[in-house]
N, C-alpha and C. Protein backbone atom coordinates (compact mmCIF):
# COMPACT_ATOMS: atom_id res chain seq x y z
N UNK A 1 41.01 45.46 27.55
CA UNK A 1 42.12 45.69 26.65
C UNK A 1 43.45 45.56 27.40
N UNK A 2 44.37 44.89 26.81
CA UNK A 2 45.68 44.69 27.44
C UNK A 2 46.51 45.97 27.30
N UNK A 3 47.32 46.24 28.32
CA UNK A 3 48.16 47.43 28.31
C UNK A 3 49.63 47.02 28.17
N UNK A 4 50.35 47.71 27.31
CA UNK A 4 51.75 47.43 27.10
C UNK A 4 52.57 47.98 28.27
N UNK A 5 53.39 47.11 28.86
CA UNK A 5 54.32 47.57 29.90
C UNK A 5 55.55 48.16 29.24
N UNK A 6 56.12 47.40 28.28
CA UNK A 6 57.26 47.90 27.52
C UNK A 6 57.54 47.01 26.32
N UNK A 7 58.29 47.54 25.38
CA UNK A 7 58.75 46.79 24.21
C UNK A 7 60.11 46.22 24.57
N UNK A 8 60.30 44.92 24.33
CA UNK A 8 61.53 44.24 24.73
C UNK A 8 62.51 44.01 23.59
N UNK A 9 61.99 43.86 22.37
CA UNK A 9 62.85 43.51 21.25
C UNK A 9 62.13 43.83 19.95
N UNK A 10 62.88 43.76 18.86
CA UNK A 10 62.31 44.00 17.53
C UNK A 10 62.96 43.03 16.56
N UNK A 11 62.17 42.47 15.66
CA UNK A 11 62.69 41.58 14.63
C UNK A 11 61.94 41.82 13.33
N UNK A 12 62.59 41.43 12.25
CA UNK A 12 61.98 41.47 10.92
C UNK A 12 61.37 40.09 10.72
N UNK A 13 60.03 40.00 10.75
CA UNK A 13 59.34 38.72 10.64
C UNK A 13 58.33 38.82 9.50
N UNK A 14 58.43 37.90 8.56
CA UNK A 14 57.52 37.85 7.42
C UNK A 14 57.41 39.20 6.70
N UNK A 15 58.56 39.85 6.53
CA UNK A 15 58.62 41.09 5.77
C UNK A 15 58.16 42.33 6.51
N UNK A 16 57.99 42.24 7.84
CA UNK A 16 57.53 43.40 8.60
C UNK A 16 58.25 43.46 9.94
N UNK A 17 58.37 44.70 10.46
CA UNK A 17 58.90 44.87 11.81
C UNK A 17 57.88 44.35 12.81
N UNK A 18 58.35 43.52 13.74
CA UNK A 18 57.51 43.02 14.82
C UNK A 18 58.21 43.35 16.13
N UNK A 19 57.42 43.69 17.12
CA UNK A 19 57.95 44.06 18.44
C UNK A 19 57.53 43.03 19.47
N UNK A 20 58.48 42.66 20.33
CA UNK A 20 58.17 41.74 21.42
C UNK A 20 57.63 42.57 22.58
N UNK A 21 56.39 42.31 22.96
CA UNK A 21 55.68 43.12 23.92
C UNK A 21 55.56 42.41 25.26
N UNK A 22 55.90 43.15 26.34
CA UNK A 22 55.62 42.68 27.70
C UNK A 22 54.34 43.37 28.14
N UNK A 23 53.35 42.58 28.48
CA UNK A 23 52.04 43.11 28.86
C UNK A 23 52.02 43.43 30.35
N UNK A 24 51.47 44.58 30.69
CA UNK A 24 51.39 45.03 32.07
C UNK A 24 50.58 44.03 32.90
N UNK A 25 51.19 43.61 34.03
CA UNK A 25 50.53 42.67 34.92
C UNK A 25 50.75 41.21 34.56
N UNK A 26 51.55 40.95 33.52
CA UNK A 26 51.80 39.59 33.08
C UNK A 26 53.30 39.29 33.13
N UNK A 27 53.64 38.01 33.11
CA UNK A 27 55.04 37.58 33.15
C UNK A 27 55.57 37.40 31.73
N UNK A 28 56.85 37.05 31.65
CA UNK A 28 57.51 36.83 30.36
C UNK A 28 56.83 35.74 29.54
N UNK A 29 56.18 34.82 30.19
CA UNK A 29 55.49 33.74 29.47
C UNK A 29 54.38 34.27 28.57
N UNK A 30 53.89 35.45 28.86
CA UNK A 30 52.80 36.05 28.07
C UNK A 30 53.30 37.03 27.02
N UNK A 31 54.62 37.23 26.91
CA UNK A 31 55.17 38.14 25.90
C UNK A 31 54.77 37.65 24.51
N UNK A 32 54.42 38.58 23.63
CA UNK A 32 54.03 38.22 22.27
C UNK A 32 54.64 39.18 21.26
N UNK A 33 54.80 38.70 20.03
CA UNK A 33 55.28 39.52 18.92
C UNK A 33 54.10 40.18 18.27
N UNK A 34 54.15 41.50 18.12
CA UNK A 34 53.06 42.26 17.50
C UNK A 34 53.62 43.21 16.46
N UNK A 35 52.88 43.39 15.38
CA UNK A 35 53.26 44.34 14.35
C UNK A 35 52.98 45.77 14.81
N UNK A 36 53.68 46.70 14.20
CA UNK A 36 53.54 48.11 14.57
C UNK A 36 52.10 48.60 14.43
N UNK A 37 51.40 48.13 13.41
CA UNK A 37 50.03 48.59 13.22
C UNK A 37 49.11 48.08 14.33
N UNK A 38 49.49 47.00 15.00
CA UNK A 38 48.71 46.49 16.13
C UNK A 38 49.05 47.22 17.43
N UNK A 39 50.00 48.15 17.36
CA UNK A 39 50.43 48.87 18.55
C UNK A 39 50.13 50.36 18.43
N UNK A 40 49.10 50.72 17.72
CA UNK A 40 48.77 52.12 17.49
C UNK A 40 48.57 52.90 18.79
N UNK A 41 47.98 52.27 19.77
CA UNK A 41 47.70 52.96 21.03
C UNK A 41 48.91 53.02 21.95
N UNK A 42 50.04 52.52 21.49
CA UNK A 42 51.24 52.48 22.34
C UNK A 42 52.43 53.11 21.64
N UNK A 43 52.19 54.19 20.93
CA UNK A 43 53.26 54.85 20.17
C UNK A 43 54.43 55.25 21.08
N UNK A 44 54.14 55.66 22.31
CA UNK A 44 55.20 56.06 23.22
C UNK A 44 56.13 54.89 23.55
N UNK A 45 55.56 53.71 23.78
CA UNK A 45 56.38 52.53 24.10
C UNK A 45 57.28 52.18 22.91
N UNK A 46 56.73 52.23 21.71
CA UNK A 46 57.52 51.94 20.50
C UNK A 46 58.60 53.01 20.34
N UNK A 47 58.24 54.26 20.52
CA UNK A 47 59.20 55.36 20.38
C UNK A 47 60.35 55.21 21.39
N UNK A 48 60.02 54.88 22.62
CA UNK A 48 61.04 54.70 23.66
C UNK A 48 61.97 53.53 23.32
N UNK A 49 61.39 52.42 22.84
CA UNK A 49 62.21 51.29 22.44
C UNK A 49 63.16 51.68 21.31
N UNK A 50 62.64 52.35 20.29
CA UNK A 50 63.47 52.76 19.15
C UNK A 50 64.62 53.66 19.61
N UNK A 51 64.35 54.56 20.54
CA UNK A 51 65.37 55.46 21.08
C UNK A 51 66.46 54.65 21.81
N UNK A 52 66.05 53.71 22.66
CA UNK A 52 67.01 52.87 23.39
C UNK A 52 67.81 52.00 22.42
N UNK A 53 67.13 51.45 21.41
CA UNK A 53 67.77 50.59 20.41
C UNK A 53 68.85 51.37 19.66
N UNK A 54 68.52 52.57 19.21
CA UNK A 54 69.47 53.40 18.48
C UNK A 54 70.66 53.77 19.36
N UNK A 55 70.40 54.10 20.62
CA UNK A 55 71.49 54.43 21.54
C UNK A 55 72.40 53.22 21.74
N UNK A 56 71.83 52.04 21.82
CA UNK A 56 72.62 50.81 21.96
C UNK A 56 73.53 50.59 20.77
N UNK A 57 73.01 50.84 19.57
CA UNK A 57 73.82 50.70 18.36
C UNK A 57 74.98 51.69 18.39
N UNK A 58 74.70 52.92 18.75
CA UNK A 58 75.75 53.94 18.81
C UNK A 58 76.80 53.58 19.87
N UNK A 59 76.38 53.04 21.00
CA UNK A 59 77.32 52.62 22.04
C UNK A 59 78.24 51.51 21.55
N UNK A 60 77.69 50.54 20.82
CA UNK A 60 78.49 49.43 20.29
C UNK A 60 79.49 49.95 19.27
N UNK A 61 79.05 50.84 18.39
CA UNK A 61 79.97 51.40 17.38
C UNK A 61 81.11 52.17 18.03
N UNK A 62 80.81 52.94 19.08
CA UNK A 62 81.85 53.68 19.79
C UNK A 62 82.85 52.72 20.43
N UNK A 63 82.34 51.66 21.04
CA UNK A 63 83.22 50.67 21.67
C UNK A 63 84.11 50.00 20.62
N UNK A 64 83.56 49.68 19.46
CA UNK A 64 84.35 49.08 18.38
C UNK A 64 85.45 50.02 17.92
N UNK A 65 85.15 51.32 17.79
CA UNK A 65 86.18 52.30 17.38
C UNK A 65 87.29 52.37 18.42
N UNK A 66 86.93 52.37 19.69
CA UNK A 66 87.93 52.43 20.76
C UNK A 66 88.80 51.18 20.77
N UNK A 67 88.19 50.01 20.55
CA UNK A 67 88.96 48.76 20.52
C UNK A 67 89.91 48.74 19.33
N UNK A 68 89.48 49.24 18.18
CA UNK A 68 90.34 49.29 17.00
C UNK A 68 91.53 50.21 17.24
N UNK A 69 91.28 51.34 17.86
CA UNK A 69 92.36 52.27 18.19
C UNK A 69 93.36 51.59 19.12
N UNK A 70 92.88 50.87 20.10
CA UNK A 70 93.74 50.17 21.05
C UNK A 70 94.57 49.09 20.34
N UNK A 71 93.95 48.35 19.41
CA UNK A 71 94.68 47.30 18.67
C UNK A 71 95.81 47.88 17.84
N UNK A 72 95.61 49.09 17.35
CA UNK A 72 96.66 49.73 16.54
C UNK A 72 97.77 50.29 17.42
N UNK A 73 97.59 50.23 18.73
CA UNK A 73 98.61 50.70 19.64
C UNK A 73 98.54 52.17 19.97
N UNK A 74 97.46 52.80 19.58
CA UNK A 74 97.31 54.22 19.87
C UNK A 74 96.69 54.41 21.26
N UNK A 75 97.01 55.52 21.83
CA UNK A 75 96.40 55.85 23.12
C UNK A 75 95.03 56.47 22.88
N UNK A 76 94.04 56.10 23.70
CA UNK A 76 92.71 56.70 23.52
C UNK A 76 92.73 58.20 23.78
N UNK A 77 91.83 58.92 23.08
CA UNK A 77 91.66 60.36 23.29
C UNK A 77 92.71 61.12 22.65
């Protein structure tokens, strides 16, 4: 059985969430898209990816707010 090293990306493919999986001991050439139901034994990897993904979204939104404030000529903080 192949072991997941980490989840690299997520996309909506054919009406379902699919995760790009890096397999432990393999290179990027072996990365594959798998549905969540095919990753039942790797809930921690999916959970960690979702946490990182959400944090990335929040970081981008914060940066956008700061840039908008700067464009209006206001001082940050």
